Amino acid sequence: MKRSKEEHSCDILCIGGGGAGVAAATTAAEMGAKVIVVSKDPGGYGNSRIVGGIIVYSDLSPDA
């Protein structure tokens, strides 16, 4: 893991790049906050990936 000695500042620091962390960071950034997301895994590798099939869009009708 590459470590940085640079200093950074932000309004909101999101710990975790899973679904909730990224959603919170995106919402805050859209509202004008300076956001930093820190995650031990690449983005999208939180617990949300476990249930990802549930939130996948399907255009099948309930009668199909």
N, C-alpha and C. Protein backbone atom coordinates (compact mmCIF):
# COMPACT_ATOMS: atom_id res chain seq x y z
N MET A 1 0.83 -1.17 0.00
CA MET A 1 0.00 0.00 0.00
C MET A 1 0.88 1.24 0.00
N LYS A 2 0.58 2.15 -0.90
CA LYS A 2 1.33 3.39 -0.97
C LYS A 2 0.77 4.38 0.05
N ARG A 3 1.64 4.91 0.85
CA ARG A 3 1.23 5.89 1.86
C ARG A 3 1.68 7.27 1.43
N SER A 4 0.83 8.24 1.69
CA SER A 4 1.12 9.61 1.31
C SER A 4 1.47 10.43 2.54
N LYS A 5 2.44 11.30 2.39
CA LYS A 5 2.81 12.21 3.48
C LYS A 5 2.23 13.60 3.23
N GLU A 6 1.42 13.72 2.19
CA GLU A 6 0.80 14.99 1.88
C GLU A 6 -0.34 15.27 2.86
N GLU A 7 -0.57 16.54 3.12
CA GLU A 7 -1.70 16.92 3.97
C GLU A 7 -2.88 17.29 3.10
N HIS A 8 -4.04 16.87 3.51
CA HIS A 8 -5.27 17.16 2.78
C HIS A 8 -6.29 17.71 3.77
N SER A 9 -7.20 18.50 3.27
CA SER A 9 -8.28 18.99 4.12
C SER A 9 -9.61 18.74 3.41
N CYS A 10 -10.67 18.61 4.19
CA CYS A 10 -11.98 18.36 3.62
C CYS A 10 -13.05 18.80 4.60
N ASP A 11 -14.26 18.91 4.10
CA ASP A 11 -15.41 19.18 4.96
C ASP A 11 -15.93 17.88 5.57
N ILE A 12 -15.91 16.83 4.75
CA ILE A 12 -16.43 15.53 5.18
C ILE A 12 -15.44 14.44 4.78
N LEU A 13 -15.14 13.57 5.72
CA LEU A 13 -14.27 12.42 5.47
C LEU A 13 -15.13 11.17 5.60
N CYS A 14 -15.30 10.45 4.50
CA CYS A 14 -16.07 9.20 4.52
C CYS A 14 -15.10 8.04 4.66
N ILE A 15 -15.30 7.26 5.70
CA ILE A 15 -14.48 6.08 5.93
C ILE A 15 -15.25 4.88 5.37
N GLY A 16 -14.77 4.35 4.27
CA GLY A 16 -15.41 3.20 3.63
C GLY A 16 -15.94 3.57 2.26
N GLY A 17 -15.58 2.76 1.27
CA GLY A 17 -16.00 3.02 -0.10
C GLY A 17 -17.08 2.07 -0.58
N GLY A 18 -17.87 1.55 0.35
CA GLY A 18 -19.00 0.71 -0.03
C GLY A 18 -20.17 1.58 -0.47
N GLY A 19 -21.32 0.95 -0.62
CA GLY A 19 -22.50 1.66 -1.10
C GLY A 19 -22.89 2.85 -0.26
N ALA A 20 -22.93 2.69 1.06
CA ALA A 20 -23.34 3.80 1.94
C ALA A 20 -22.32 4.93 1.94
N GLY A 21 -21.05 4.58 2.00
CA GLY A 21 -20.00 5.60 2.02
C GLY A 21 -19.96 6.41 0.73
N VAL A 22 -20.07 5.72 -0.40
CA VAL A 22 -20.05 6.42 -1.68
C VAL A 22 -21.31 7.26 -1.86
N ALA A 23 -22.46 6.74 -1.43
CA ALA A 23 -23.70 7.50 -1.54
C ALA A 23 -23.63 8.76 -0.69
N ALA A 24 -23.11 8.63 0.53
CA ALA A 24 -22.98 9.80 1.40
C ALA A 24 -22.00 10.81 0.82
N ALA A 25 -20.89 10.32 0.30
CA ALA A 25 -19.88 11.21 -0.28
C ALA A 25 -20.41 11.93 -1.51
N THR A 26 -21.14 11.21 -2.35
CA THR A 26 -21.71 11.81 -3.55
C THR A 26 -22.72 12.90 -3.20
N THR A 27 -23.60 12.59 -2.26
CA THR A 27 -24.61 13.57 -1.83
C THR A 27 -23.95 14.81 -1.26
N ALA A 28 -22.96 14.62 -0.40
CA ALA A 28 -22.27 15.77 0.20
C ALA A 28 -21.55 16.60 -0.86
N ALA A 29 -20.90 15.93 -1.81
CA ALA A 29 -20.19 16.66 -2.87
C ALA A 29 -21.16 17.43 -3.75
N GLU A 30 -22.31 16.84 -4.05
CA GLU A 30 -23.32 17.54 -4.85
C GLU A 30 -23.86 18.78 -4.14
N MET A 31 -23.77 18.77 -2.81
CA MET A 31 -24.24 19.92 -2.02
C MET A 31 -23.12 20.93 -1.79
N GLY A 32 -21.95 20.68 -2.38
CA GLY A 32 -20.86 21.65 -2.33
C GLY A 32 -19.77 21.37 -1.32
N ALA A 33 -19.85 20.27 -0.61
CA ALA A 33 -18.82 19.95 0.37
C ALA A 33 -17.59 19.37 -0.32
N LYS A 34 -16.43 19.63 0.25
CA LYS A 34 -15.20 18.99 -0.22
C LYS A 34 -15.09 17.67 0.53
N VAL A 35 -15.10 16.57 -0.22
CA VAL A 35 -15.20 15.23 0.37
C VAL A 35 -13.98 14.40 0.02
N ILE A 36 -13.51 13.62 0.98
CA ILE A 36 -12.47 12.62 0.76
C ILE A 36 -13.04 11.28 1.21
N VAL A 37 -12.90 10.25 0.35
CA VAL A 37 -13.33 8.89 0.70
C VAL A 37 -12.07 8.06 0.92
N VAL A 38 -12.01 7.39 2.06
CA VAL A 38 -10.87 6.52 2.40
C VAL A 38 -11.42 5.11 2.56
N SER A 39 -10.80 4.16 1.86
CA SER A 39 -11.25 2.78 1.93
C SER A 39 -10.07 1.83 1.84
N LYS A 40 -10.15 0.73 2.54
CA LYS A 40 -9.08 -0.25 2.48
C LYS A 40 -9.13 -1.07 1.19
N ASP A 41 -10.30 -1.08 0.55
CA ASP A 41 -10.50 -1.81 -0.70
C ASP A 41 -10.81 -0.82 -1.82
N PRO A 42 -10.72 -1.27 -3.07
CA PRO A 42 -11.13 -0.40 -4.18
C PRO A 42 -12.60 -0.03 -4.05
N GLY A 43 -13.00 1.07 -4.64
CA GLY A 43 -14.39 1.51 -4.57
C GLY A 43 -15.36 0.43 -4.98
N GLY A 44 -16.50 0.35 -4.27
CA GLY A 44 -17.50 -0.65 -4.58
C GLY A 44 -17.28 -2.00 -3.93
N TYR A 45 -16.29 -2.10 -3.05
CA TYR A 45 -15.99 -3.38 -2.42
C TYR A 45 -16.46 -3.46 -0.99
N GLY A 46 -17.50 -2.73 -0.62
CA GLY A 46 -18.05 -2.82 0.73
C GLY A 46 -19.02 -3.99 0.82
N ASN A 47 -19.76 -4.05 1.90
CA ASN A 47 -20.74 -5.12 2.07
C ASN A 47 -21.85 -5.06 1.04
N SER A 48 -22.04 -3.92 0.39
CA SER A 48 -23.09 -3.79 -0.62
C SER A 48 -22.88 -4.75 -1.79
N ARG A 49 -21.67 -5.13 -2.06
CA ARG A 49 -21.43 -6.03 -3.19
C ARG A 49 -22.01 -7.41 -2.91
N ILE A 50 -22.18 -7.75 -1.65
CA ILE A 50 -22.73 -9.05 -1.29
C ILE A 50 -24.20 -9.15 -1.71
N VAL A 51 -24.93 -8.06 -1.57
CA VAL A 51 -26.35 -8.06 -1.92
C VAL A 51 -26.60 -7.33 -3.23
N GLY A 52 -25.59 -7.17 -4.03
CA GLY A 52 -25.70 -6.41 -5.27
C GLY A 52 -26.78 -6.91 -6.21
N GLY A 53 -27.04 -8.21 -6.23
CA GLY A 53 -28.07 -8.74 -7.11
C GLY A 53 -29.45 -8.24 -6.79
N ILE A 54 -29.69 -7.84 -5.56
CA ILE A 54 -31.01 -7.37 -5.15
C ILE A 54 -31.30 -6.00 -5.74
N ILE A 55 -30.28 -5.19 -5.93
CA ILE A 55 -30.51 -3.83 -6.40
C ILE A 55 -30.24 -3.66 -7.90
N VAL A 56 -30.03 -4.76 -8.59
CA VAL A 56 -29.84 -4.70 -10.04
C VAL A 56 -31.19 -4.47 -10.70
N TYR A 57 -31.24 -3.55 -11.65
CA TYR A 57 -32.49 -3.21 -12.33
C TYR A 57 -32.93 -4.34 -13.25
N SER A 58 -34.21 -4.61 -13.24
CA SER A 58 -34.78 -5.56 -14.16
C SER A 58 -36.07 -4.98 -14.72
N ASP A 59 -36.28 -5.14 -16.03
CA ASP A 59 -37.50 -4.60 -16.63
C ASP A 59 -38.57 -5.68 -16.78
N LEU A 60 -38.40 -6.80 -16.11
CA LEU A 60 -39.41 -7.85 -16.17
C LEU A 60 -40.61 -7.45 -15.33
N SER A 61 -41.78 -7.67 -15.85
CA SER A 61 -42.99 -7.37 -15.10
C SER A 61 -43.22 -8.45 -14.05
N PRO A 62 -43.99 -8.16 -12.99
CA PRO A 62 -44.24 -9.17 -11.96
C PRO A 62 -44.93 -10.41 -12.51
N ASP A 63 -45.60 -10.29 -13.66
CA ASP A 63 -46.33 -11.41 -14.24
C ASP A 63 -45.44 -12.32 -15.08
N ALA A 64 -44.19 -11.93 -15.30
CA ALA A 64 -43.30 -12.70 -16.18
C ALA A 64 -42.85 -13.99 -15.56
